[in-house]
Amino acid sequence: MKKKAAILSLLTFALSAIAVEEEFARYQIIIDKHPFGEEPLEAEPVPIPLNQSFARHLRLSMLFEGPNGDVRAGIIDAKDKKNYILSIGDPEGGLELLEADLSASEAMLRKGTEVALFKLESDKPEPLSKSQQAARRSSYAGRRSSRMAATKKRTEPKRSAAPRLTGAALKKHLEGVQMNAIREGLPPLPLPLTPEMDAQLVSEGVLDPQ
């Protein structure tokens, strides 16, 4: 009897669950339209103030191109009295150079989870939010692509256009090719010999006199 009651309870629960699911499905289309408005987006954290940032003791002292064409940044740490030469992908002293642009005279550095923008003409770095970092990276990528394309175009060897012969110049060129072919015993071009060409070849002993 208890077994039958348990089975009956399970069936009742299953049927109830199916009914609830079907009822919920009826209202899903309404829910998808967000009748009460969109869910509020999570606010982006405000960048840490400069007076609390790792960047407050640092200064960008120079930007230059390394031997492999990579951009490097010179950093002065006024607090620890240290100098760093950083390249992208090569952290040192907890500092990492994320991006650098010679034309804009600026560099992005990271320490831990913080990122700050440094400029050569300014001794006040700017802590960056995540959206600002993304915008800067996109800008750097675009400028880097344009710079690489310009460099490639500048270094590509220029192809000299083949001279186009026409008229008398073309005729003279073909006659010269014909003469050389006959001299070397190669099949001649379908081009008749002029009296001058024939006389020249006879004088050279290439053709027998007629």
N, C-alpha and C. Protein backbone atom coordinates (compact mmCIF):
# COMPACT_ATOMS: atom_id res chain seq x y z
N MET A 1 0.84 -1.20 0.00
CA MET A 1 0.00 0.00 0.00
C MET A 1 0.88 1.26 0.00
N LYS A 2 1.90 1.21 0.83
CA LYS A 2 2.83 2.34 0.90
C LYS A 2 3.54 2.53 -0.43
N LYS A 3 3.87 1.41 -1.09
CA LYS A 3 4.55 1.46 -2.37
C LYS A 3 3.69 2.14 -3.41
N LYS A 4 2.38 1.77 -3.41
CA LYS A 4 1.45 2.38 -4.37
C LYS A 4 1.30 3.87 -4.10
N ALA A 5 1.30 4.24 -2.82
CA ALA A 5 1.16 5.66 -2.46
C ALA A 5 2.37 6.45 -2.92
N ALA A 6 3.55 5.82 -2.79
CA ALA A 6 4.77 6.50 -3.21
C ALA A 6 4.78 6.71 -4.71
N ILE A 7 4.37 5.66 -5.46
CA ILE A 7 4.32 5.77 -6.92
C ILE A 7 3.33 6.84 -7.34
N LEU A 8 2.18 6.86 -6.66
CA LEU A 8 1.16 7.86 -6.97
C LEU A 8 1.68 9.27 -6.70
N SER A 9 2.44 9.42 -5.63
CA SER A 9 3.00 10.73 -5.30
C SER A 9 4.00 11.19 -6.36
N LEU A 10 4.83 10.25 -6.83
CA LEU A 10 5.81 10.58 -7.86
C LEU A 10 5.14 10.99 -9.17
N LEU A 11 4.06 10.26 -9.53
CA LEU A 11 3.33 10.61 -10.75
C LEU A 11 2.70 11.99 -10.64
N THR A 12 2.14 12.24 -9.45
CA THR A 12 1.50 13.55 -9.23
C THR A 12 2.53 14.67 -9.33
N PHE A 13 3.72 14.45 -8.76
CA PHE A 13 4.79 15.46 -8.80
C PHE A 13 5.26 15.70 -10.23
N ALA A 14 5.40 14.61 -11.00
CA ALA A 14 5.86 14.72 -12.39
C ALA A 14 4.85 15.48 -13.23
N LEU A 15 3.56 15.15 -13.04
CA LEU A 15 2.53 15.84 -13.80
C LEU A 15 2.47 17.31 -13.44
N SER A 16 2.68 17.61 -12.17
CA SER A 16 2.67 19.00 -11.72
C SER A 16 3.83 19.77 -12.33
N ALA A 17 4.99 19.12 -12.38
CA ALA A 17 6.18 19.77 -12.95
C ALA A 17 5.97 20.06 -14.43
N ILE A 18 5.36 19.10 -15.15
CA ILE A 18 5.09 19.29 -16.57
C ILE A 18 4.11 20.44 -16.78
N ALA A 19 3.09 20.48 -15.93
CA ALA A 19 2.09 21.55 -16.04
C ALA A 19 2.71 22.92 -15.78
N VAL A 20 3.60 22.99 -14.79
CA VAL A 20 4.26 24.26 -14.48
C VAL A 20 5.15 24.70 -15.63
N GLU A 21 5.86 23.72 -16.22
CA GLU A 21 6.76 24.03 -17.34
C GLU A 21 5.97 24.54 -18.54
N GLU A 22 4.83 23.90 -18.83
CA GLU A 22 4.00 24.34 -19.94
C GLU A 22 3.43 25.73 -19.66
N GLU A 23 3.05 25.97 -18.42
CA GLU A 23 2.51 27.28 -18.05
C GLU A 23 3.57 28.37 -18.19
N PHE A 24 4.80 28.04 -17.79
CA PHE A 24 5.91 28.99 -17.90
C PHE A 24 6.22 29.30 -19.35
N ALA A 25 6.15 28.25 -20.22
CA ALA A 25 6.44 28.43 -21.63
C ALA A 25 5.47 29.41 -22.28
N ARG A 26 4.23 29.43 -21.80
CA ARG A 26 3.22 30.34 -22.35
C ARG A 26 3.62 31.80 -22.15
N TYR A 27 4.32 32.07 -21.04
CA TYR A 27 4.67 33.45 -20.71
C TYR A 27 6.11 33.82 -21.12
N GLN A 28 6.85 32.84 -21.69
CA GLN A 28 8.24 33.09 -22.04
C GLN A 28 8.35 34.19 -23.10
N ILE A 29 7.41 34.19 -24.07
CA ILE A 29 7.45 35.19 -25.13
C ILE A 29 7.29 36.59 -24.57
N ILE A 30 6.49 36.71 -23.49
CA ILE A 30 6.30 38.00 -22.85
C ILE A 30 7.57 38.40 -22.10
N ILE A 31 8.15 37.44 -21.41
CA ILE A 31 9.38 37.71 -20.65
C ILE A 31 10.51 38.15 -21.57
N ASP A 32 10.59 37.50 -22.77
CA ASP A 32 11.65 37.83 -23.71
C ASP A 32 11.56 39.24 -24.24
N LYS A 33 10.37 39.84 -24.18
CA LYS A 33 10.19 41.21 -24.66
C LYS A 33 10.56 42.25 -23.61
N HIS A 34 10.95 41.81 -22.43
CA HIS A 34 11.35 42.70 -21.34
C HIS A 34 10.33 43.81 -21.09
N PRO A 35 9.11 43.43 -20.69
CA PRO A 35 8.07 44.46 -20.49
C PRO A 35 8.41 45.45 -19.38
N PHE A 36 9.31 45.08 -18.49
CA PHE A 36 9.66 45.97 -17.38
C PHE A 36 11.02 46.64 -17.60
N GLY A 37 11.50 46.57 -18.86
CA GLY A 37 12.78 47.19 -19.17
C GLY A 37 13.93 46.21 -19.10
N GLU A 38 15.03 46.59 -19.73
CA GLU A 38 16.22 45.74 -19.72
C GLU A 38 16.84 45.71 -18.33
N GLU A 39 17.55 44.60 -18.07
CA GLU A 39 18.26 44.51 -16.80
C GLU A 39 19.40 45.53 -16.80
N PRO A 40 19.56 46.24 -15.72
CA PRO A 40 20.62 47.27 -15.67
C PRO A 40 22.00 46.64 -15.85
N LEU A 41 22.82 47.29 -16.69
CA LEU A 41 24.18 46.81 -16.90
C LEU A 41 25.04 47.09 -15.68
N GLU A 42 25.97 46.18 -15.47
CA GLU A 42 26.88 46.35 -14.33
C GLU A 42 27.80 47.54 -14.60
N ALA A 43 27.83 48.45 -13.66
CA ALA A 43 28.64 49.66 -13.83
C ALA A 43 30.12 49.30 -13.85
N GLU A 44 30.87 49.96 -14.75
CA GLU A 44 32.31 49.70 -14.84
C GLU A 44 33.01 50.36 -13.66
N PRO A 45 33.93 49.63 -13.05
CA PRO A 45 34.67 50.22 -11.92
C PRO A 45 35.40 51.49 -12.33
N VAL A 46 35.38 52.48 -11.50
CA VAL A 46 36.08 53.73 -11.76
C VAL A 46 37.58 53.50 -11.58
N PRO A 47 38.41 54.02 -12.50
CA PRO A 47 39.86 53.84 -12.34
C PRO A 47 40.35 54.37 -11.00
N ILE A 48 41.34 53.72 -10.47
CA ILE A 48 41.89 54.13 -9.19
C ILE A 48 42.52 55.52 -9.33
N PRO A 49 42.37 56.41 -8.35
CA PRO A 49 42.98 57.75 -8.44
C PRO A 49 44.50 57.66 -8.58
N LEU A 50 45.07 58.66 -9.25
CA LEU A 50 46.51 58.65 -9.49
C LEU A 50 47.30 58.63 -8.18
N ASN A 51 46.79 59.33 -7.13
CA ASN A 51 47.55 59.37 -5.88
C ASN A 51 47.56 58.04 -5.15
N GLN A 52 46.78 57.05 -5.65
CA GLN A 52 46.79 55.71 -5.07
C GLN A 52 47.34 54.68 -6.07
N SER A 53 47.63 55.11 -7.26
CA SER A 53 48.04 54.20 -8.32
C SER A 53 49.54 53.89 -8.25
N PHE A 54 49.91 52.74 -8.79
CA PHE A 54 51.33 52.38 -8.88
C PHE A 54 52.09 53.37 -9.76
N ALA A 55 51.34 54.05 -10.66
CA ALA A 55 51.98 54.91 -11.64
C ALA A 55 52.45 56.24 -11.07
N ARG A 56 52.04 56.57 -9.85
CA ARG A 56 52.32 57.90 -9.32
C ARG A 56 53.81 58.17 -9.14
N HIS A 57 54.62 57.11 -8.98
CA HIS A 57 56.06 57.29 -8.78
C HIS A 57 56.85 57.06 -10.06
N LEU A 58 56.15 56.76 -11.17
CA LEU A 58 56.84 56.41 -12.41
C LEU A 58 56.75 57.54 -13.43
N ARG A 59 57.74 57.57 -14.33
CA ARG A 59 57.74 58.56 -15.41
C ARG A 59 58.32 57.92 -16.67
N LEU A 60 57.68 58.19 -17.79
CA LEU A 60 58.18 57.72 -19.08
C LEU A 60 59.29 58.67 -19.53
N SER A 61 60.51 58.16 -19.61
CA SER A 61 61.66 59.01 -19.91
C SER A 61 62.05 58.98 -21.38
N MET A 62 61.76 57.86 -22.08
CA MET A 62 62.12 57.78 -23.49
C MET A 62 61.38 56.64 -24.17
N LEU A 63 61.24 56.77 -25.48
CA LEU A 63 60.70 55.73 -26.34
C LEU A 63 61.65 55.59 -27.53
N PHE A 64 61.99 54.35 -27.88
CA PHE A 64 62.89 54.16 -29.01
C PHE A 64 62.64 52.81 -29.64
N GLU A 65 63.16 52.63 -30.84
CA GLU A 65 62.98 51.39 -31.58
C GLU A 65 64.17 50.48 -31.34
N GLY A 66 63.90 49.24 -30.94
CA GLY A 66 64.96 48.28 -30.68
C GLY A 66 65.56 47.74 -31.97
N PRO A 67 66.59 46.90 -31.85
CA PRO A 67 67.27 46.38 -33.05
C PRO A 67 66.38 45.50 -33.92
N ASN A 68 65.34 44.93 -33.33
CA ASN A 68 64.43 44.07 -34.09
C ASN A 68 63.20 44.82 -34.58
N GLY A 69 63.21 46.14 -34.44
CA GLY A 69 62.06 46.94 -34.88
C GLY A 69 60.97 47.07 -33.84
N ASP A 70 61.18 46.48 -32.64
CA ASP A 70 60.19 46.60 -31.58
C ASP A 70 60.38 47.92 -30.83
N VAL A 71 59.26 48.45 -30.32
CA VAL A 71 59.32 49.72 -29.58
C VAL A 71 59.62 49.43 -28.11
N ARG A 72 60.53 50.20 -27.53
CA ARG A 72 60.90 50.02 -26.13
C ARG A 72 60.70 51.32 -25.36
N ALA A 73 60.43 51.17 -24.07
CA ALA A 73 60.12 52.33 -23.24
C ALA A 73 61.09 52.40 -22.07
N GLY A 74 61.61 53.59 -21.82
CA GLY A 74 62.45 53.83 -20.66
C GLY A 74 61.60 54.39 -19.53
N ILE A 75 61.65 53.76 -18.36
CA ILE A 75 60.82 54.14 -17.21
C ILE A 75 61.71 54.48 -16.03
N ILE A 76 61.41 55.58 -15.38
CA ILE A 76 62.13 55.98 -14.16
C ILE A 76 61.20 55.80 -12.97
N ASP A 77 61.67 55.05 -11.96
CA ASP A 77 60.93 54.88 -10.71
C ASP A 77 61.56 55.81 -9.68
N ALA A 78 60.87 56.94 -9.42
CA ALA A 78 61.42 57.93 -8.51
C ALA A 78 61.45 57.45 -7.07
N LYS A 79 60.55 56.56 -6.72
CA LYS A 79 60.48 56.08 -5.33
C LYS A 79 61.63 55.13 -5.02
N ASP A 80 61.83 54.12 -5.88
CA ASP A 80 62.86 53.11 -5.64
C ASP A 80 64.20 53.46 -6.30
N LYS A 81 64.24 54.61 -6.97
CA LYS A 81 65.48 55.06 -7.63
C LYS A 81 65.99 54.02 -8.62
N LYS A 82 65.09 53.56 -9.49
CA LYS A 82 65.45 52.54 -10.47
C LYS A 82 65.05 52.99 -11.87
N ASN A 83 65.75 52.45 -12.85
CA ASN A 83 65.43 52.70 -14.26
C ASN A 83 65.12 51.37 -14.93
N TYR A 84 64.14 51.37 -15.80
CA TYR A 84 63.76 50.16 -16.53
C TYR A 84 63.73 50.46 -18.03
N ILE A 85 64.15 49.48 -18.80
CA ILE A 85 63.96 49.50 -20.25
C ILE A 85 63.03 48.33 -20.56
N LEU A 86 61.79 48.64 -20.91
CA LEU A 86 60.77 47.61 -21.09
C LEU A 86 60.44 47.43 -22.57
N SER A 87 60.23 46.19 -22.95
CA SER A 87 59.70 45.88 -24.28
C SER A 87 58.44 45.06 -24.10
N ILE A 88 57.58 45.07 -25.09
CA ILE A 88 56.30 44.39 -25.00
C ILE A 88 56.51 42.88 -24.81
N GLY A 89 55.82 42.33 -23.82
CA GLY A 89 55.91 40.90 -23.55
C GLY A 89 57.10 40.50 -22.70
N ASP A 90 57.81 41.49 -22.14
CA ASP A 90 58.98 41.18 -21.32
C ASP A 90 58.92 41.99 -20.02
N PRO A 91 58.13 41.52 -19.03
CA PRO A 91 57.96 42.27 -17.77
C PRO A 91 59.27 42.35 -16.98
N GLU A 92 59.35 43.41 -16.19
CA GLU A 92 60.52 43.58 -15.33
C GLU A 92 60.11 44.35 -14.08
N GLY A 93 60.51 43.84 -12.92
CA GLY A 93 60.19 44.52 -11.67
C GLY A 93 58.69 44.66 -11.42
N GLY A 94 57.91 43.72 -11.95
CA GLY A 94 56.46 43.78 -11.79
C GLY A 94 55.78 44.69 -12.79
N LEU A 95 56.56 45.38 -13.63
CA LEU A 95 56.00 46.28 -14.64
C LEU A 95 55.96 45.59 -16.00
N GLU A 96 54.88 45.82 -16.73
CA GLU A 96 54.75 45.21 -18.06
C GLU A 96 54.32 46.28 -19.05
N LEU A 97 55.04 46.36 -20.15
CA LEU A 97 54.69 47.27 -21.23
C LEU A 97 53.65 46.59 -22.12
N LEU A 98 52.44 47.14 -22.16
CA LEU A 98 51.36 46.55 -22.96
C LEU A 98 51.38 47.05 -24.40
N GLU A 99 51.50 48.36 -24.55
CA GLU A 99 51.52 48.97 -25.88
C GLU A 99 52.42 50.20 -25.83
N ALA A 100 52.94 50.57 -26.99
CA ALA A 100 53.75 51.78 -27.09
C ALA A 100 53.65 52.31 -28.51
N ASP A 101 53.66 53.63 -28.64
CA ASP A 101 53.53 54.25 -29.94
C ASP A 101 54.50 55.42 -30.03
N LEU A 102 55.48 55.28 -30.94
CA LEU A 102 56.49 56.33 -31.10
C LEU A 102 55.88 57.62 -31.63
N SER A 103 54.95 57.49 -32.60
CA SER A 103 54.38 58.69 -33.21
C SER A 103 53.55 59.49 -32.22
N ALA A 104 52.87 58.80 -31.29
CA ALA A 104 52.05 59.48 -30.30
C ALA A 104 52.82 59.78 -29.02
N SER A 105 54.06 59.27 -28.91
CA SER A 105 54.92 59.48 -27.73
C SER A 105 54.23 59.03 -26.46
N GLU A 106 53.63 57.85 -26.48
CA GLU A 106 52.93 57.35 -25.31
C GLU A 106 53.08 55.84 -25.16
N ALA A 107 52.84 55.36 -23.95
CA ALA A 107 52.97 53.94 -23.65
C ALA A 107 51.96 53.55 -22.58
N MET A 108 51.49 52.30 -22.65
CA MET A 108 50.59 51.74 -21.65
C MET A 108 51.34 50.72 -20.80
N LEU A 109 51.31 50.90 -19.49
CA LEU A 109 52.00 50.00 -18.56
C LEU A 109 50.99 49.35 -17.62
N ARG A 110 51.32 48.13 -17.22
CA ARG A 110 50.46 47.43 -16.27
C ARG A 110 51.30 46.92 -15.10
N LYS A 111 50.69 46.99 -13.91
CA LYS A 111 51.26 46.37 -12.74
C LYS A 111 50.12 45.74 -11.97
N GLY A 112 50.16 44.42 -11.85
CA GLY A 112 49.05 43.71 -11.23
C GLY A 112 47.81 43.83 -12.09
N THR A 113 46.73 44.37 -11.53
CA THR A 113 45.49 44.55 -12.28
C THR A 113 45.32 45.99 -12.78
N GLU A 114 46.27 46.85 -12.45
CA GLU A 114 46.16 48.26 -12.84
C GLU A 114 46.87 48.52 -14.17
N VAL A 115 46.28 49.44 -14.94
CA VAL A 115 46.89 49.87 -16.20
C VAL A 115 46.87 51.39 -16.24
N ALA A 116 47.97 51.99 -16.70
CA ALA A 116 48.06 53.45 -16.77
C ALA A 116 48.70 53.86 -18.08
N LEU A 117 48.34 55.06 -18.53
CA LEU A 117 48.89 55.62 -19.76
C LEU A 117 49.95 56.66 -19.41
N PHE A 118 51.10 56.56 -20.06
CA PHE A 118 52.21 57.48 -19.84
C PHE A 118 52.51 58.23 -21.14
N LYS A 119 52.84 59.52 -21.03
CA LYS A 119 53.22 60.32 -22.19
C LYS A 119 54.55 61.01 -21.92
N LEU A 120 55.35 61.13 -22.97
CA LEU A 120 56.67 61.72 -22.82
C LEU A 120 56.61 63.17 -22.36
N GLU A 121 55.64 63.91 -22.89
CA GLU A 121 55.60 65.34 -22.58
C GLU A 121 54.90 65.64 -21.26
N SER A 122 54.44 64.59 -20.56
CA SER A 122 53.72 64.80 -19.30
C SER A 122 54.32 63.94 -18.21
N ASP A 123 54.42 64.51 -16.99
CA ASP A 123 54.93 63.74 -15.86
C ASP A 123 53.79 63.21 -14.99
N LYS A 124 52.54 63.29 -15.53
CA LYS A 124 51.39 62.79 -14.79
C LYS A 124 50.73 61.66 -15.56
N PRO A 125 50.97 60.42 -15.16
CA PRO A 125 50.32 59.29 -15.84
C PRO A 125 48.81 59.34 -15.63
N GLU A 126 48.10 58.56 -16.45
CA GLU A 126 46.64 58.52 -16.38
C GLU A 126 46.17 57.08 -16.17
N PRO A 127 45.67 56.73 -14.97
CA PRO A 127 45.10 55.39 -14.78
C PRO A 127 43.92 55.18 -15.74
N LEU A 128 43.83 53.99 -16.35
CA LEU A 128 42.82 53.72 -17.37
C LEU A 128 41.80 52.68 -16.89
N SER A 129 40.53 52.89 -17.25
CA SER A 129 39.49 51.90 -17.01
C SER A 129 39.59 50.82 -18.08
N LYS A 130 38.80 49.76 -17.94
CA LYS A 130 38.85 48.66 -18.91
C LYS A 130 38.40 49.13 -20.29
N SER A 131 37.35 49.97 -20.35
CA SER A 131 36.88 50.45 -21.65
C SER A 131 37.92 51.36 -22.30
N GLN A 132 38.60 52.17 -21.50
CA GLN A 132 39.65 53.03 -22.03
C GLN A 132 40.83 52.19 -22.54
N GLN A 133 41.14 51.13 -21.82
CA GLN A 133 42.21 50.23 -22.27
C GLN A 133 41.87 49.61 -23.62
N ALA A 134 40.62 49.13 -23.76
CA ALA A 134 40.18 48.50 -25.00
C ALA A 134 40.24 49.49 -26.16
N ALA A 135 39.81 50.73 -25.92
CA ALA A 135 39.84 51.75 -26.97
C ALA A 135 41.27 52.06 -27.39
N ARG A 136 42.17 52.16 -26.40
CA ARG A 136 43.57 52.44 -26.70
C ARG A 136 44.21 51.31 -27.49
N ARG A 137 43.92 50.08 -27.09
CA ARG A 137 44.50 48.92 -27.79
C ARG A 137 44.05 48.89 -29.24
N SER A 138 42.75 49.18 -29.47
CA SER A 138 42.23 49.20 -30.82
C SER A 138 42.90 50.29 -31.65
N SER A 139 43.11 51.45 -31.03
CA SER A 139 43.77 52.56 -31.71
C SER A 139 45.21 52.20 -32.05
N TYR A 140 45.91 51.59 -31.09
CA TYR A 140 47.31 51.19 -31.32
C TYR A 140 47.39 50.17 -32.46
N ALA A 141 46.46 49.20 -32.45
CA ALA A 141 46.48 48.14 -33.46
C ALA A 141 46.28 48.74 -34.86
N GLY A 142 45.37 49.71 -34.97
CA GLY A 142 45.14 50.35 -36.26
C GLY A 142 46.35 51.13 -36.74
N ARG A 143 46.98 51.89 -35.83
CA ARG A 143 48.16 52.67 -36.20
C ARG A 143 49.34 51.76 -36.54
N ARG A 144 49.46 50.64 -35.78
CA ARG A 144 50.56 49.72 -36.04
C ARG A 144 50.39 49.06 -37.42
N SER A 145 49.15 48.71 -37.76
CA SER A 145 48.89 48.09 -39.05
C SER A 145 49.20 49.06 -40.19
N SER A 146 48.82 50.33 -40.03
CA SER A 146 49.10 51.33 -41.05
C SER A 146 50.60 51.56 -41.19
N ARG A 147 51.31 51.59 -40.04
CA ARG A 147 52.75 51.81 -40.07
C ARG A 147 53.48 50.65 -40.75
N MET A 148 53.04 49.42 -40.46
CA MET A 148 53.67 48.25 -41.07
C MET A 148 53.44 48.23 -42.57
N ALA A 149 52.21 48.61 -42.99
CA ALA A 149 51.90 48.64 -44.42
C ALA A 149 52.75 49.68 -45.12
N ALA A 150 52.92 50.85 -44.49
CA ALA A 150 53.74 51.91 -45.08
C ALA A 150 55.20 51.49 -45.17
N THR A 151 55.69 50.82 -44.12
CA THR A 151 57.09 50.35 -44.12
C THR A 151 57.31 49.31 -45.21
N LYS A 152 56.37 48.39 -45.34
CA LYS A 152 56.48 47.34 -46.35
C LYS A 152 56.50 47.95 -47.75
N LYS A 153 55.61 48.93 -47.96
CA LYS A 153 55.55 49.57 -49.28
C LYS A 153 56.84 50.32 -49.58
N ARG A 154 57.41 50.93 -48.53
CA ARG A 154 58.64 51.72 -48.71
C ARG A 154 59.84 50.84 -49.00
N THR A 155 59.85 49.63 -48.41
CA THR A 155 61.02 48.76 -48.56
C THR A 155 60.91 47.79 -49.73
N GLU A 156 59.73 47.67 -50.32
CA GLU A 156 59.57 46.76 -51.45
C GLU A 156 60.35 47.29 -52.65
N PRO A 157 61.10 46.41 -53.34
CA PRO A 157 61.83 46.87 -54.53
C PRO A 157 60.87 47.30 -55.62
N LYS A 158 61.18 48.43 -56.24
CA LYS A 158 60.31 48.93 -57.30
C LYS A 158 60.60 48.18 -58.59
N ARG A 159 59.54 47.72 -59.20
CA ARG A 159 59.68 47.00 -60.46
C ARG A 159 59.72 48.01 -61.61
N SER A 160 60.78 47.91 -62.38
CA SER A 160 60.87 48.81 -63.54
C SER A 160 59.99 48.28 -64.65
N ALA A 161 59.21 49.15 -65.19
CA ALA A 161 58.30 48.75 -66.26
C ALA A 161 59.09 48.43 -67.52
N ALA A 162 58.70 47.35 -68.19
CA ALA A 162 59.37 46.97 -69.43
C ALA A 162 59.09 48.03 -70.50
N PRO A 163 60.12 48.44 -71.22
CA PRO A 163 59.90 49.47 -72.24
C PRO A 163 59.00 48.94 -73.35
N ARG A 164 58.11 49.76 -73.81
CA ARG A 164 57.21 49.40 -74.90
C ARG A 164 57.75 49.97 -76.20
N LEU A 165 58.05 49.08 -77.15
CA LEU A 165 58.59 49.51 -78.43
C LEU A 165 57.47 49.58 -79.46
N THR A 166 57.49 50.59 -80.23
CA THR A 166 56.50 50.75 -81.30
C THR A 166 57.17 51.31 -82.54
N GLY A 167 56.50 51.18 -83.66
CA GLY A 167 56.96 51.79 -84.90
C GLY A 167 58.35 51.35 -85.33
N ALA A 168 59.16 52.31 -85.67
CA ALA A 168 60.50 52.04 -86.20
C ALA A 168 61.38 51.35 -85.16
N ALA A 169 61.20 51.73 -83.87
CA ALA A 169 62.01 51.11 -82.81
C ALA A 169 61.69 49.63 -82.69
N LEU A 170 60.41 49.27 -82.80
CA LEU A 170 60.02 47.86 -82.73
C LEU A 170 60.57 47.09 -83.93
N LYS A 171 60.51 47.71 -85.12
CA LYS A 171 61.01 47.05 -86.34
C LYS A 171 62.51 46.79 -86.22
N LYS A 172 63.24 47.79 -85.73
CA LYS A 172 64.69 47.63 -85.59
C LYS A 172 65.02 46.54 -84.58
N HIS A 173 64.25 46.49 -83.48
CA HIS A 173 64.49 45.46 -82.46
C HIS A 173 64.26 44.06 -83.03
N LEU A 174 63.17 43.88 -83.80
CA LEU A 174 62.87 42.57 -84.38
C LEU A 174 63.93 42.17 -85.42
N GLU A 175 64.41 43.14 -86.17
CA GLU A 175 65.46 42.84 -87.15
C GLU A 175 66.74 42.38 -86.45
N GLY A 176 67.04 43.01 -85.30
CA GLY A 176 68.21 42.58 -84.54
C GLY A 176 68.05 41.16 -84.01
N VAL A 177 66.83 40.83 -83.51
CA VAL A 177 66.56 39.47 -83.04
C VAL A 177 66.70 38.48 -84.18
N GLN A 178 66.19 38.86 -85.36
CA GLN A 178 66.28 37.99 -86.54
C GLN A 178 67.74 37.74 -86.93
N MET A 179 68.55 38.77 -86.94
CA MET A 179 69.97 38.64 -87.30
C MET A 179 70.69 37.70 -86.32
N ASN A 180 70.44 37.88 -85.02
CA ASN A 180 71.10 37.04 -84.02
C ASN A 180 70.66 35.58 -84.13
N ALA A 181 69.37 35.37 -84.44
CA ALA A 181 68.88 34.00 -84.59
C ALA A 181 69.59 33.30 -85.75
N ILE A 182 69.76 34.02 -86.89
CA ILE A 182 70.43 33.44 -88.06
C ILE A 182 71.90 33.18 -87.74
N ARG A 183 72.55 34.10 -87.05
CA ARG A 183 73.96 33.93 -86.69
C ARG A 183 74.17 32.69 -85.82
N GLU A 184 73.22 32.44 -84.91
CA GLU A 184 73.37 31.34 -83.95
C GLU A 184 72.73 30.05 -84.43
N GLY A 185 72.22 30.04 -85.69
CA GLY A 185 71.63 28.83 -86.25
C GLY A 185 70.29 28.46 -85.64
N LEU A 186 69.60 29.43 -85.06
CA LEU A 186 68.30 29.20 -84.46
C LEU A 186 67.20 29.43 -85.49
N PRO A 187 66.03 28.88 -85.26
CA PRO A 187 64.92 29.12 -86.20
C PRO A 187 64.66 30.60 -86.33
N PRO A 188 64.66 31.14 -87.55
CA PRO A 188 64.46 32.57 -87.73
C PRO A 188 63.01 32.97 -87.52
N LEU A 189 62.80 34.26 -87.28
CA LEU A 189 61.44 34.79 -87.17
C LEU A 189 60.81 34.86 -88.57
N PRO A 190 59.49 34.85 -88.63
CA PRO A 190 58.84 35.00 -89.94
C PRO A 190 58.93 36.44 -90.43
N LEU A 191 60.18 36.86 -90.62
CA LEU A 191 60.44 38.25 -91.00
C LEU A 191 61.44 38.25 -92.15
N PRO A 192 61.09 38.83 -93.30
CA PRO A 192 62.01 38.80 -94.45
C PRO A 192 63.25 39.65 -94.20
N LEU A 193 64.36 39.21 -94.78
CA LEU A 193 65.61 39.96 -94.66
C LEU A 193 65.60 41.13 -95.64
N THR A 194 66.02 42.26 -95.14
CA THR A 194 66.18 43.42 -96.02
C THR A 194 67.52 43.29 -96.73
N PRO A 195 67.70 44.01 -97.86
CA PRO A 195 69.02 43.95 -98.55
C PRO A 195 70.17 44.30 -97.61
N GLU A 196 69.94 45.26 -96.72
CA GLU A 196 71.00 45.64 -95.79
C GLU A 196 71.34 44.51 -94.83
N MET A 197 70.30 43.80 -94.33
CA MET A 197 70.51 42.69 -93.41
C MET A 197 71.25 41.55 -94.12
N ASP A 198 70.83 41.27 -95.39
CA ASP A 198 71.46 40.20 -96.15
C ASP A 198 72.93 40.51 -96.41
N ALA A 199 73.19 41.77 -96.78
CA ALA A 199 74.58 42.16 -97.06
C ALA A 199 75.45 42.05 -95.81
N GLN A 200 74.91 42.39 -94.67
CA GLN A 200 75.66 42.32 -93.42
C GLN A 200 76.01 40.88 -93.08
N LEU A 201 75.04 39.98 -93.24
CA LEU A 201 75.27 38.57 -92.92
C LEU A 201 76.25 37.93 -93.91
N VAL A 202 76.22 38.38 -95.18
CA VAL A 202 77.18 37.87 -96.17
C VAL A 202 78.57 38.33 -95.80
N SER A 203 78.70 39.61 -95.41
CA SER A 203 80.01 40.14 -95.08
C SER A 203 80.59 39.45 -93.83
N GLU A 204 79.71 38.95 -92.98
CA GLU A 204 80.16 38.24 -91.77
C GLU A 204 80.44 36.76 -92.05
N GLY A 205 80.10 36.31 -93.26
CA GLY A 205 80.33 34.91 -93.61
C GLY A 205 79.26 33.98 -93.10
N VAL A 206 78.17 34.55 -92.63
CA VAL A 206 77.07 33.72 -92.11
C VAL A 206 76.25 33.17 -93.27
N LEU A 207 76.02 34.00 -94.31
CA LEU A 207 75.29 33.58 -95.50
C LEU A 207 76.21 33.60 -96.71
N ASP A 208 75.93 32.70 -97.65
CA ASP A 208 76.69 32.69 -98.90
C ASP A 208 76.16 33.80 -99.81
N PRO A 209 77.04 34.42 -100.54
CA PRO A 209 76.57 35.46 -101.48
C PRO A 209 75.73 34.84 -102.58
N GLN A 210 74.72 35.57 -103.02
CA GLN A 210 73.84 35.05 -104.07
C GLN A 210 74.39 35.43 -105.44
